[in-house]
Amino acid sequence: MSRGYAQFVEIHVPPAVAWAAFTEEPWLRRWYGVDATVDPHRGGAFRVRLRDGRVRDATIDVWEPNRRLRLIYFPDADHLAAGDPGDAGPVVEDVLFDTKPGTRSTIVRVMGSGVPDGKAWDGYYTRLRLGWAYLLHELKRALEAGVAPDGAPKAAAGPAGR
């Protein structure tokens, strides 16, 4: 058996701006981790080194600009050592970018599945669920400040930068 999680946030920017912040390395370094590498296409790599040193390393399964991103994370050696390797399949995260009707706002949803429900995986599951709640609010704060990070295209600035 496995378990999932879902988090969302409404951000007062168009979907193209939210997408850029989720898929462009300068933006990812601003709100997500200290380093990021994105090979922007289906089958490409999506890698973020978090502030605590952990690395999230995924393969891009779906790449639909301004609409949907699906990331497949295969368990690393540390995760496999923590639990029964037989219960460890890939963790899948779907990220959806939806326009809120009648506004220029975007609702960003992160929905994850595939985390084993064994006790050894409880910490990992909690970090994902609570981590995304925190990170999506960091994304909102960064975008609504309206100042693009160094190296980001000017068009990717939020409301104050338009």
N, C-alpha and C. Protein backbone atom coordinates (compact mmCIF):
# COMPACT_ATOMS: atom_id res chain seq x y z
N MET A 1 0.84 -1.19 0.00
CA MET A 1 0.00 0.00 0.00
C MET A 1 0.88 1.25 0.00
N SER A 2 0.32 2.32 -0.51
CA SER A 2 1.03 3.59 -0.51
C SER A 2 0.07 4.70 -0.12
N ARG A 3 0.62 5.86 0.10
CA ARG A 3 -0.19 7.02 0.50
C ARG A 3 0.20 8.23 -0.34
N GLY A 4 -0.65 9.22 -0.31
CA GLY A 4 -0.42 10.41 -1.10
C GLY A 4 -0.62 11.67 -0.28
N TYR A 5 -0.44 12.79 -0.92
CA TYR A 5 -0.57 14.10 -0.28
C TYR A 5 -0.96 15.11 -1.35
N ALA A 6 -1.53 16.21 -0.92
CA ALA A 6 -1.92 17.28 -1.85
C ALA A 6 -1.81 18.61 -1.13
N GLN A 7 -1.26 19.59 -1.80
CA GLN A 7 -1.16 20.95 -1.29
C GLN A 7 -1.47 21.89 -2.44
N PHE A 8 -1.99 23.07 -2.13
CA PHE A 8 -2.22 24.05 -3.18
C PHE A 8 -2.07 25.45 -2.61
N VAL A 9 -1.87 26.40 -3.53
CA VAL A 9 -1.78 27.80 -3.16
C VAL A 9 -2.30 28.64 -4.33
N GLU A 10 -2.96 29.75 -4.00
CA GLU A 10 -3.38 30.71 -5.02
C GLU A 10 -2.34 31.82 -5.06
N ILE A 11 -1.85 32.11 -6.27
CA ILE A 11 -0.81 33.12 -6.45
C ILE A 11 -1.33 34.15 -7.45
N HIS A 12 -1.15 35.40 -7.14
CA HIS A 12 -1.69 36.48 -7.98
C HIS A 12 -0.75 36.81 -9.13
N VAL A 13 -0.52 35.82 -9.98
CA VAL A 13 0.25 35.96 -11.22
C VAL A 13 -0.38 35.02 -12.25
N PRO A 14 -0.16 35.27 -13.54
CA PRO A 14 -0.67 34.37 -14.57
C PRO A 14 0.04 33.01 -14.52
N PRO A 15 -0.57 31.96 -15.09
CA PRO A 15 0.06 30.63 -15.08
C PRO A 15 1.47 30.60 -15.68
N ALA A 16 1.72 31.39 -16.72
CA ALA A 16 3.06 31.38 -17.35
C ALA A 16 4.14 31.82 -16.37
N VAL A 17 3.81 32.74 -15.49
CA VAL A 17 4.78 33.21 -14.50
C VAL A 17 5.00 32.15 -13.42
N ALA A 18 3.92 31.53 -12.95
CA ALA A 18 4.04 30.46 -11.96
C ALA A 18 4.82 29.28 -12.54
N TRP A 19 4.55 28.94 -13.80
CA TRP A 19 5.26 27.85 -14.48
C TRP A 19 6.76 28.16 -14.54
N ALA A 20 7.10 29.39 -14.93
CA ALA A 20 8.51 29.77 -15.03
C ALA A 20 9.20 29.62 -13.68
N ALA A 21 8.53 30.01 -12.62
CA ALA A 21 9.14 29.92 -11.29
C ALA A 21 9.32 28.47 -10.85
N PHE A 22 8.54 27.58 -11.40
CA PHE A 22 8.62 26.16 -11.03
C PHE A 22 9.57 25.39 -11.92
N THR A 23 9.97 25.95 -13.07
CA THR A 23 10.76 25.19 -14.04
C THR A 23 12.05 25.86 -14.47
N GLU A 24 12.30 27.09 -14.04
CA GLU A 24 13.53 27.78 -14.41
C GLU A 24 14.47 27.85 -13.22
N GLU A 25 15.72 27.50 -13.47
CA GLU A 25 16.69 27.34 -12.40
C GLU A 25 16.87 28.57 -11.51
N PRO A 26 16.97 29.79 -12.04
CA PRO A 26 17.12 30.94 -11.13
C PRO A 26 15.95 31.08 -10.15
N TRP A 27 14.73 30.84 -10.65
CA TRP A 27 13.56 30.91 -9.77
C TRP A 27 13.58 29.79 -8.74
N LEU A 28 13.90 28.58 -9.17
CA LEU A 28 13.93 27.45 -8.23
C LEU A 28 14.92 27.70 -7.10
N ARG A 29 16.05 28.32 -7.42
CA ARG A 29 17.04 28.63 -6.37
C ARG A 29 16.52 29.69 -5.41
N ARG A 30 15.58 30.51 -5.86
CA ARG A 30 15.03 31.54 -4.97
C ARG A 30 14.10 30.95 -3.92
N TRP A 31 13.21 30.03 -4.30
CA TRP A 31 12.18 29.60 -3.36
C TRP A 31 12.27 28.13 -2.94
N TYR A 32 13.01 27.30 -3.68
CA TYR A 32 12.95 25.86 -3.44
C TYR A 32 14.23 25.30 -2.83
N GLY A 33 15.37 25.55 -3.44
CA GLY A 33 16.62 24.96 -2.95
C GLY A 33 17.81 25.82 -3.27
N VAL A 34 18.99 25.35 -2.86
CA VAL A 34 20.21 26.13 -3.09
C VAL A 34 20.78 25.91 -4.47
N ASP A 35 20.38 24.83 -5.12
CA ASP A 35 20.83 24.57 -6.47
C ASP A 35 19.73 23.82 -7.22
N ALA A 36 19.66 24.03 -8.52
CA ALA A 36 18.63 23.38 -9.32
C ALA A 36 19.14 23.18 -10.74
N THR A 37 18.74 22.06 -11.32
CA THR A 37 19.04 21.76 -12.72
C THR A 37 17.77 21.20 -13.34
N VAL A 38 17.36 21.79 -14.47
CA VAL A 38 16.16 21.32 -15.17
C VAL A 38 16.52 21.12 -16.64
N ASP A 39 16.26 19.92 -17.14
CA ASP A 39 16.39 19.62 -18.55
C ASP A 39 14.96 19.62 -19.08
N PRO A 40 14.50 20.75 -19.64
CA PRO A 40 13.06 21.03 -19.83
C PRO A 40 12.38 20.31 -20.99
N HIS A 41 12.13 19.02 -20.80
CA HIS A 41 11.36 18.25 -21.77
C HIS A 41 10.98 16.91 -21.14
N ARG A 42 10.01 16.25 -21.76
CA ARG A 42 9.61 14.92 -21.30
C ARG A 42 10.84 14.01 -21.35
N GLY A 43 11.11 13.32 -20.25
CA GLY A 43 12.28 12.46 -20.15
C GLY A 43 13.50 13.17 -19.59
N GLY A 44 13.40 14.49 -19.43
CA GLY A 44 14.51 15.27 -18.89
C GLY A 44 14.65 15.11 -17.38
N ALA A 45 15.71 15.68 -16.85
CA ALA A 45 15.99 15.60 -15.42
C ALA A 45 15.50 16.86 -14.71
N PHE A 46 15.05 16.67 -13.48
CA PHE A 46 14.62 17.77 -12.60
C PHE A 46 15.29 17.48 -11.26
N ARG A 47 16.30 18.30 -10.90
CA ARG A 47 17.10 18.03 -9.71
C ARG A 47 17.21 19.31 -8.88
N VAL A 48 16.87 19.18 -7.59
CA VAL A 48 16.98 20.31 -6.67
C VAL A 48 17.72 19.85 -5.42
N ARG A 49 18.76 20.61 -5.06
CA ARG A 49 19.45 20.37 -3.78
C ARG A 49 18.83 21.31 -2.76
N LEU A 50 18.22 20.73 -1.73
CA LEU A 50 17.53 21.50 -0.71
C LEU A 50 18.52 22.17 0.24
N ARG A 51 18.03 23.11 1.01
CA ARG A 51 18.87 23.86 1.93
C ARG A 51 19.51 22.98 3.01
N ASP A 52 18.88 21.85 3.33
CA ASP A 52 19.44 20.94 4.34
C ASP A 52 20.41 19.93 3.74
N GLY A 53 20.70 20.04 2.44
CA GLY A 53 21.65 19.16 1.78
C GLY A 53 21.04 17.98 1.05
N ARG A 54 19.79 17.63 1.37
CA ARG A 54 19.14 16.54 0.65
C ARG A 54 18.91 16.93 -0.80
N VAL A 55 18.86 15.92 -1.66
CA VAL A 55 18.66 16.15 -3.09
C VAL A 55 17.37 15.47 -3.52
N ARG A 56 16.56 16.20 -4.26
CA ARG A 56 15.35 15.63 -4.89
C ARG A 56 15.69 15.49 -6.38
N ASP A 57 15.72 14.27 -6.83
CA ASP A 57 16.16 13.94 -8.18
C ASP A 57 15.04 13.21 -8.90
N ALA A 58 14.51 13.80 -9.98
CA ALA A 58 13.35 13.23 -10.66
C ALA A 58 13.56 13.19 -12.16
N THR A 59 12.74 12.38 -12.79
CA THR A 59 12.63 12.36 -14.25
C THR A 59 11.31 13.04 -14.60
N ILE A 60 11.34 13.90 -15.61
CA ILE A 60 10.13 14.59 -16.05
C ILE A 60 9.32 13.63 -16.91
N ASP A 61 8.12 13.31 -16.46
CA ASP A 61 7.24 12.39 -17.18
C ASP A 61 6.25 13.15 -18.07
N VAL A 62 5.75 14.29 -17.59
CA VAL A 62 4.83 15.13 -18.36
C VAL A 62 5.37 16.56 -18.32
N TRP A 63 5.46 17.18 -19.49
CA TRP A 63 5.93 18.57 -19.61
C TRP A 63 4.94 19.29 -20.52
N GLU A 64 3.96 19.96 -19.90
CA GLU A 64 2.97 20.73 -20.64
C GLU A 64 3.06 22.17 -20.15
N PRO A 65 3.87 22.99 -20.81
CA PRO A 65 4.13 24.35 -20.32
C PRO A 65 2.86 25.11 -19.94
N ASN A 66 2.94 25.75 -18.79
CA ASN A 66 1.88 26.59 -18.20
C ASN A 66 0.66 25.78 -17.74
N ARG A 67 0.71 24.45 -17.82
CA ARG A 67 -0.43 23.62 -17.43
C ARG A 67 -0.08 22.53 -16.42
N ARG A 68 0.92 21.69 -16.78
CA ARG A 68 1.14 20.49 -15.97
C ARG A 68 2.59 20.01 -16.06
N LEU A 69 3.08 19.59 -14.91
CA LEU A 69 4.42 19.00 -14.78
C LEU A 69 4.27 17.74 -13.93
N ARG A 70 4.74 16.61 -14.43
CA ARG A 70 4.73 15.39 -13.61
C ARG A 70 6.16 14.92 -13.44
N LEU A 71 6.52 14.71 -12.18
CA LEU A 71 7.87 14.29 -11.82
C LEU A 71 7.82 12.89 -11.21
N ILE A 72 8.76 12.04 -11.62
CA ILE A 72 8.86 10.68 -11.09
C ILE A 72 10.17 10.61 -10.30
N TYR A 73 10.04 10.32 -9.01
CA TYR A 73 11.20 10.18 -8.12
C TYR A 73 11.38 8.71 -7.80
N PHE A 74 12.55 8.15 -8.13
CA PHE A 74 12.84 6.77 -7.76
C PHE A 74 13.60 6.79 -6.44
N PRO A 75 13.31 5.86 -5.54
CA PRO A 75 13.95 5.87 -4.22
C PRO A 75 15.47 5.77 -4.35
N ASP A 76 16.16 6.55 -3.51
CA ASP A 76 17.62 6.47 -3.50
C ASP A 76 18.05 5.45 -2.44
N ALA A 77 19.36 5.22 -2.35
CA ALA A 77 19.89 4.20 -1.43
C ALA A 77 19.50 4.47 0.01
N ASP A 78 19.48 5.75 0.44
CA ASP A 78 19.11 6.08 1.82
C ASP A 78 17.68 5.67 2.12
N HIS A 79 16.78 5.93 1.19
CA HIS A 79 15.37 5.55 1.40
C HIS A 79 15.21 4.03 1.41
N LEU A 80 15.92 3.36 0.52
CA LEU A 80 15.81 1.91 0.47
C LEU A 80 16.34 1.26 1.75
N ALA A 81 17.40 1.85 2.32
CA ALA A 81 17.96 1.30 3.56
C ALA A 81 17.01 1.49 4.73
N ALA A 82 16.16 2.52 4.65
CA ALA A 82 15.25 2.84 5.76
C ALA A 82 14.06 1.91 5.84
N GLY A 83 13.69 1.28 4.76
CA GLY A 83 12.48 0.46 4.76
C GLY A 83 12.71 -0.83 4.00
N ASP A 84 11.67 -1.56 3.79
CA ASP A 84 11.72 -2.79 3.02
C ASP A 84 11.81 -2.41 1.55
N PRO A 85 12.93 -2.77 0.86
CA PRO A 85 13.06 -2.39 -0.55
C PRO A 85 11.89 -2.87 -1.41
N GLY A 86 11.20 -3.93 -0.97
CA GLY A 86 10.07 -4.44 -1.73
C GLY A 86 8.88 -3.49 -1.74
N ASP A 87 8.81 -2.55 -0.76
CA ASP A 87 7.67 -1.64 -0.72
C ASP A 87 7.96 -0.29 -1.35
N ALA A 88 9.15 -0.14 -1.95
CA ALA A 88 9.56 1.16 -2.47
C ALA A 88 9.43 1.22 -3.98
N GLY A 89 8.37 1.85 -4.43
CA GLY A 89 8.21 2.13 -5.85
C GLY A 89 8.50 3.60 -6.07
N PRO A 90 8.25 4.10 -7.25
CA PRO A 90 8.49 5.52 -7.48
C PRO A 90 7.44 6.38 -6.77
N VAL A 91 7.87 7.57 -6.38
CA VAL A 91 6.96 8.59 -5.87
C VAL A 91 6.68 9.52 -7.05
N VAL A 92 5.42 9.81 -7.28
CA VAL A 92 5.00 10.63 -8.41
C VAL A 92 4.43 11.94 -7.87
N GLU A 93 4.88 13.05 -8.43
CA GLU A 93 4.31 14.36 -8.09
C GLU A 93 3.76 15.00 -9.36
N ASP A 94 2.49 15.33 -9.31
CA ASP A 94 1.84 16.09 -10.38
C ASP A 94 1.71 17.52 -9.91
N VAL A 95 2.15 18.46 -10.73
CA VAL A 95 2.03 19.88 -10.42
C VAL A 95 1.13 20.48 -11.49
N LEU A 96 0.00 21.05 -11.06
CA LEU A 96 -0.97 21.63 -11.98
C LEU A 96 -1.03 23.14 -11.79
N PHE A 97 -1.17 23.86 -12.90
CA PHE A 97 -1.23 25.32 -12.92
C PHE A 97 -2.56 25.71 -13.55
N ASP A 98 -3.51 26.13 -12.74
CA ASP A 98 -4.85 26.46 -13.22
C ASP A 98 -5.15 27.93 -13.01
N THR A 99 -5.77 28.55 -14.00
CA THR A 99 -6.22 29.93 -13.86
C THR A 99 -7.48 29.95 -13.01
N LYS A 100 -7.50 30.83 -12.03
CA LYS A 100 -8.72 31.00 -11.25
C LYS A 100 -9.69 31.79 -12.11
N PRO A 101 -10.89 31.26 -12.34
CA PRO A 101 -11.86 31.94 -13.23
C PRO A 101 -12.11 33.39 -12.81
N GLY A 102 -12.12 34.26 -13.81
CA GLY A 102 -12.42 35.67 -13.58
C GLY A 102 -11.27 36.47 -12.99
N THR A 103 -10.07 35.87 -12.90
CA THR A 103 -8.92 36.58 -12.32
C THR A 103 -7.68 36.32 -13.18
N ARG A 104 -6.59 36.97 -12.78
CA ARG A 104 -5.28 36.68 -13.37
C ARG A 104 -4.47 35.79 -12.42
N SER A 105 -5.14 35.23 -11.43
CA SER A 105 -4.46 34.39 -10.45
C SER A 105 -4.33 32.96 -10.93
N THR A 106 -3.34 32.29 -10.38
CA THR A 106 -3.09 30.88 -10.69
C THR A 106 -3.19 30.07 -9.42
N ILE A 107 -3.83 28.94 -9.52
CA ILE A 107 -3.83 27.98 -8.42
C ILE A 107 -2.81 26.91 -8.79
N VAL A 108 -1.78 26.79 -7.95
CA VAL A 108 -0.75 25.77 -8.15
C VAL A 108 -1.05 24.63 -7.19
N ARG A 109 -1.19 23.43 -7.74
CA ARG A 109 -1.47 22.25 -6.93
C ARG A 109 -0.32 21.26 -7.07
N VAL A 110 0.14 20.73 -5.95
CA VAL A 110 1.11 19.64 -5.95
C VAL A 110 0.42 18.44 -5.34
N MET A 111 0.33 17.38 -6.13
CA MET A 111 -0.32 16.14 -5.66
C MET A 111 0.68 15.01 -5.82
N GLY A 112 0.99 14.38 -4.70
CA GLY A 112 1.97 13.30 -4.70
C GLY A 112 1.33 11.98 -4.36
N SER A 113 1.92 10.91 -4.86
CA SER A 113 1.44 9.56 -4.55
C SER A 113 2.61 8.60 -4.61
N GLY A 114 2.39 7.42 -4.00
CA GLY A 114 3.38 6.36 -4.09
C GLY A 114 4.32 6.25 -2.90
N VAL A 115 4.10 7.03 -1.83
CA VAL A 115 4.95 6.91 -0.65
C VAL A 115 4.51 5.67 0.12
N PRO A 116 5.41 4.71 0.34
CA PRO A 116 5.00 3.50 1.07
C PRO A 116 4.42 3.84 2.44
N ASP A 117 3.44 3.04 2.88
CA ASP A 117 2.80 3.36 4.16
C ASP A 117 3.48 2.67 5.34
N GLY A 118 4.61 2.05 5.14
CA GLY A 118 5.35 1.44 6.24
C GLY A 118 5.90 2.48 7.20
N LYS A 119 6.04 2.09 8.46
CA LYS A 119 6.52 2.99 9.52
C LYS A 119 7.85 3.65 9.16
N ALA A 120 8.72 2.91 8.47
CA ALA A 120 10.04 3.45 8.12
C ALA A 120 9.94 4.65 7.17
N TRP A 121 8.79 4.81 6.51
CA TRP A 121 8.62 5.90 5.54
C TRP A 121 7.86 7.09 6.13
N ASP A 122 7.47 7.02 7.40
CA ASP A 122 6.68 8.10 8.01
C ASP A 122 7.39 9.46 7.95
N GLY A 123 8.67 9.49 8.28
CA GLY A 123 9.41 10.76 8.25
C GLY A 123 9.49 11.36 6.86
N TYR A 124 9.74 10.51 5.88
CA TYR A 124 9.81 10.96 4.49
C TYR A 124 8.46 11.53 4.05
N TYR A 125 7.39 10.82 4.37
CA TYR A 125 6.04 11.27 4.02
C TYR A 125 5.72 12.62 4.69
N THR A 126 6.04 12.74 5.95
CA THR A 126 5.77 13.99 6.68
C THR A 126 6.56 15.14 6.08
N ARG A 127 7.85 14.90 5.74
CA ARG A 127 8.67 15.96 5.13
C ARG A 127 8.06 16.42 3.80
N LEU A 128 7.56 15.49 3.00
CA LEU A 128 6.94 15.87 1.72
C LEU A 128 5.67 16.68 1.94
N ARG A 129 4.81 16.17 2.79
CA ARG A 129 3.50 16.82 3.00
C ARG A 129 3.67 18.21 3.61
N LEU A 130 4.44 18.32 4.68
CA LEU A 130 4.64 19.62 5.32
C LEU A 130 5.59 20.51 4.52
N GLY A 131 6.57 19.88 3.89
CA GLY A 131 7.51 20.64 3.07
C GLY A 131 6.82 21.37 1.93
N TRP A 132 5.90 20.69 1.25
CA TRP A 132 5.20 21.35 0.14
C TRP A 132 4.29 22.47 0.63
N ALA A 133 3.69 22.31 1.79
CA ALA A 133 2.87 23.41 2.33
C ALA A 133 3.74 24.65 2.52
N TYR A 134 4.91 24.47 3.10
CA TYR A 134 5.84 25.59 3.32
C TYR A 134 6.36 26.13 1.98
N LEU A 135 6.81 25.24 1.10
CA LEU A 135 7.43 25.68 -0.15
C LEU A 135 6.47 26.41 -1.07
N LEU A 136 5.22 25.98 -1.13
CA LEU A 136 4.26 26.69 -1.98
C LEU A 136 4.01 28.11 -1.47
N HIS A 137 4.07 28.31 -0.18
CA HIS A 137 3.93 29.67 0.34
C HIS A 137 5.19 30.49 0.09
N GLU A 138 6.35 29.83 0.07
CA GLU A 138 7.58 30.52 -0.34
C GLU A 138 7.50 30.93 -1.81
N LEU A 139 6.95 30.05 -2.64
CA LEU A 139 6.75 30.36 -4.06
C LEU A 139 5.83 31.57 -4.20
N LYS A 140 4.73 31.58 -3.49
CA LYS A 140 3.78 32.69 -3.53
C LYS A 140 4.46 34.00 -3.12
N ARG A 141 5.20 33.95 -2.02
CA ARG A 141 5.88 35.14 -1.52
C ARG A 141 6.89 35.66 -2.55
N ALA A 142 7.65 34.75 -3.14
CA ALA A 142 8.66 35.15 -4.13
C ALA A 142 8.02 35.77 -5.37
N LEU A 143 6.94 35.15 -5.86
CA LEU A 143 6.32 35.66 -7.08
C LEU A 143 5.56 36.97 -6.86
N GLU A 144 4.85 37.06 -5.75
CA GLU A 144 4.07 38.27 -5.52
C GLU A 144 4.93 39.45 -5.13
N ALA A 145 6.20 39.21 -4.77
CA ALA A 145 7.13 40.32 -4.52
C ALA A 145 7.47 41.02 -5.83
N GLY A 146 7.36 40.28 -6.96
CA GLY A 146 7.51 40.88 -8.27
C GLY A 146 8.91 41.16 -8.73
N VAL A 147 9.92 40.62 -8.05
CA VAL A 147 11.30 40.87 -8.45
C VAL A 147 11.90 39.55 -8.91
N ALA A 148 12.25 39.48 -10.19
CA ALA A 148 12.83 38.25 -10.73
C ALA A 148 14.24 38.07 -10.18
N PRO A 149 14.66 36.83 -9.90
CA PRO A 149 16.02 36.59 -9.44
C PRO A 149 17.02 36.86 -10.55
N ASP A 150 18.29 37.07 -10.19
CA ASP A 150 19.34 37.25 -11.19
C ASP A 150 19.33 36.07 -12.14
N GLY A 151 19.37 36.35 -13.42
CA GLY A 151 19.41 35.31 -14.43
C GLY A 151 18.05 34.90 -14.94
N ALA A 152 16.98 35.33 -14.28
CA ALA A 152 15.63 34.97 -14.75
C ALA A 152 15.18 35.98 -15.80
N PRO A 153 14.44 35.51 -16.80
CA PRO A 153 13.93 36.45 -17.81
C PRO A 153 13.05 37.52 -17.17
N LYS A 154 13.12 38.72 -17.69
CA LYS A 154 12.32 39.83 -17.15
C LYS A 154 10.82 39.52 -17.20
N ALA A 155 10.37 38.78 -18.20
CA ALA A 155 8.94 38.47 -18.33
C ALA A 155 8.44 37.59 -17.19
N ALA A 156 9.37 37.01 -16.42
CA ALA A 156 8.96 36.10 -15.35
C ALA A 156 8.79 36.81 -14.03
N ALA A 157 8.79 38.12 -14.01
CA ALA A 157 8.57 38.84 -12.76
C ALA A 157 7.08 38.83 -12.43
N GLY A 158 6.78 38.87 -11.17
CA GLY A 158 5.39 38.86 -10.72
C GLY A 158 4.74 40.22 -10.90
N PRO A 159 3.65 40.51 -10.20
CA PRO A 159 2.82 41.68 -10.43
C PRO A 159 3.56 43.02 -10.29
N ALA A 160 4.43 43.15 -9.32
CA ALA A 160 5.11 44.43 -9.13
C ALA A 160 6.14 44.67 -10.24
N GLY A 161 6.60 43.58 -10.88
CA GLY A 161 7.58 43.71 -11.94
C GLY A 161 6.97 43.89 -13.32
N ARG A 162 5.66 43.98 -13.42
CA ARG A 162 4.99 44.09 -14.72
C ARG A 162 4.72 45.54 -15.04
